[in-house]
């Protein structure tokens, strides 16, 4: 399911317009992004949690040359679904 299909389903379920549903979905995703960028964890009960973790630097291999290289550490988002 993509964002358009999700907004159509939300509009259908709530008997609202697609543009309103799209606005709400974009607002939620923007707020999740801003909270993660600030280093906060986002928990949505019944859905899951998002948090930012730091991946350690590690050795990797350039697939085209076979040369060993260092992949620097970076921050990534981790999602844990609630079932």
Protein backbone atom coordinates (compact mmCIF):
# COMPACT_ATOMS: atom_id res chain seq x y z
CA UNK A 1 0.00 0.00 0.00
CA UNK A 2 1.36 3.43 -0.89
CA UNK A 3 0.47 6.87 0.51
CA UNK A 4 -2.22 7.51 -2.10
CA UNK A 5 -3.94 4.22 -1.40
CA UNK A 6 -3.70 4.86 2.34
CA UNK A 7 -5.27 8.31 2.03
CA UNK A 8 -8.06 6.87 -0.15
CA UNK A 9 -8.77 4.18 2.47
CA UNK A 10 -8.76 6.73 5.31
CA UNK A 11 -11.12 9.00 3.35
CA UNK A 12 -13.42 6.08 2.64
CA UNK A 13 -13.43 4.89 6.27
CA UNK A 14 -14.00 8.35 7.76
CA UNK A 15 -16.35 9.49 4.99
CA UNK A 16 -14.10 12.50 4.47
CA UNK A 17 -12.27 13.87 1.45
CA UNK A 18 -9.07 12.42 0.04
CA UNK A 19 -7.30 15.77 0.38
CA UNK A 20 -8.17 16.00 4.09
CA UNK A 21 -7.01 12.43 4.68
CA UNK A 22 -3.78 13.14 2.79
CA UNK A 23 -3.22 16.29 4.89
CA UNK A 24 -3.61 14.32 8.15
CA UNK A 25 -1.30 11.53 7.00
CA UNK A 26 1.37 14.04 5.91
CA UNK A 27 1.04 15.89 9.21
CA UNK A 28 1.56 12.69 11.18
CA UNK A 29 4.58 11.60 9.12
CA UNK A 30 6.15 15.07 9.32
CA UNK A 31 5.78 15.09 13.11
CA UNK A 32 7.28 11.58 13.39
CA UNK A 33 10.23 12.73 11.25
CA UNK A 34 10.81 15.85 13.33
CA UNK A 35 10.66 13.91 16.61
CA UNK A 36 13.14 11.33 15.30
CA UNK A 37 15.46 14.09 14.07
CA UNK A 38 15.38 15.57 17.59
CA UNK A 39 16.41 12.17 18.99
CA UNK A 40 13.05 11.29 20.53
CA UNK A 41 11.31 7.93 20.37
CA UNK A 42 7.82 7.83 18.87
CA UNK A 43 5.38 5.21 20.19
CA UNK A 44 2.00 4.69 18.53
CA UNK A 45 0.02 2.22 20.63
CA UNK A 46 -1.41 -0.62 18.59
CA UNK A 47 0.95 0.12 15.68
CA UNK A 48 4.61 0.26 16.70
CA UNK A 49 7.53 2.37 17.83
CA UNK A 50 10.15 4.33 15.95
CA UNK A 51 13.55 5.26 17.36
CA UNK A 52 16.88 6.45 16.07
CA UNK A 53 19.94 4.26 16.57
CA UNK A 54 23.57 4.71 15.58
CA UNK A 55 25.14 2.01 13.43
CA UNK A 56 28.80 1.51 14.25
CA UNK A 57 31.48 1.98 11.62
CA UNK A 58 32.33 -1.26 9.87
CA UNK A 59 34.44 -2.69 7.07
CA UNK A 60 32.76 -3.24 3.74
CA UNK A 61 33.73 -4.09 0.19
CA UNK A 62 33.29 -2.01 -2.94
CA UNK A 63 31.31 -4.35 -5.24
CA UNK A 64 32.78 -2.98 -8.46
CA UNK A 65 36.48 -3.04 -7.48
CA UNK A 66 36.53 -5.54 -4.62
CA UNK A 67 38.50 -3.03 -2.54
CA UNK A 68 37.97 -3.08 1.23
CA UNK A 69 36.68 0.20 2.61
CA UNK A 70 35.47 1.66 5.89
CA UNK A 71 31.75 2.38 6.08
CA UNK A 72 31.35 5.25 8.57
CA UNK A 73 28.89 5.19 11.45
CA UNK A 74 25.50 6.72 10.80
CA UNK A 75 22.11 7.23 12.40
CA UNK A 76 19.22 5.12 11.12
CA UNK A 77 15.58 4.72 12.08
CA UNK A 78 14.50 1.45 13.68
CA UNK A 79 10.83 0.41 13.66
CA UNK A 80 9.41 -2.21 16.00
CA UNK A 81 5.83 -3.28 15.18
CA UNK A 82 3.32 -4.17 17.88
CA UNK A 83 1.25 -7.25 17.11
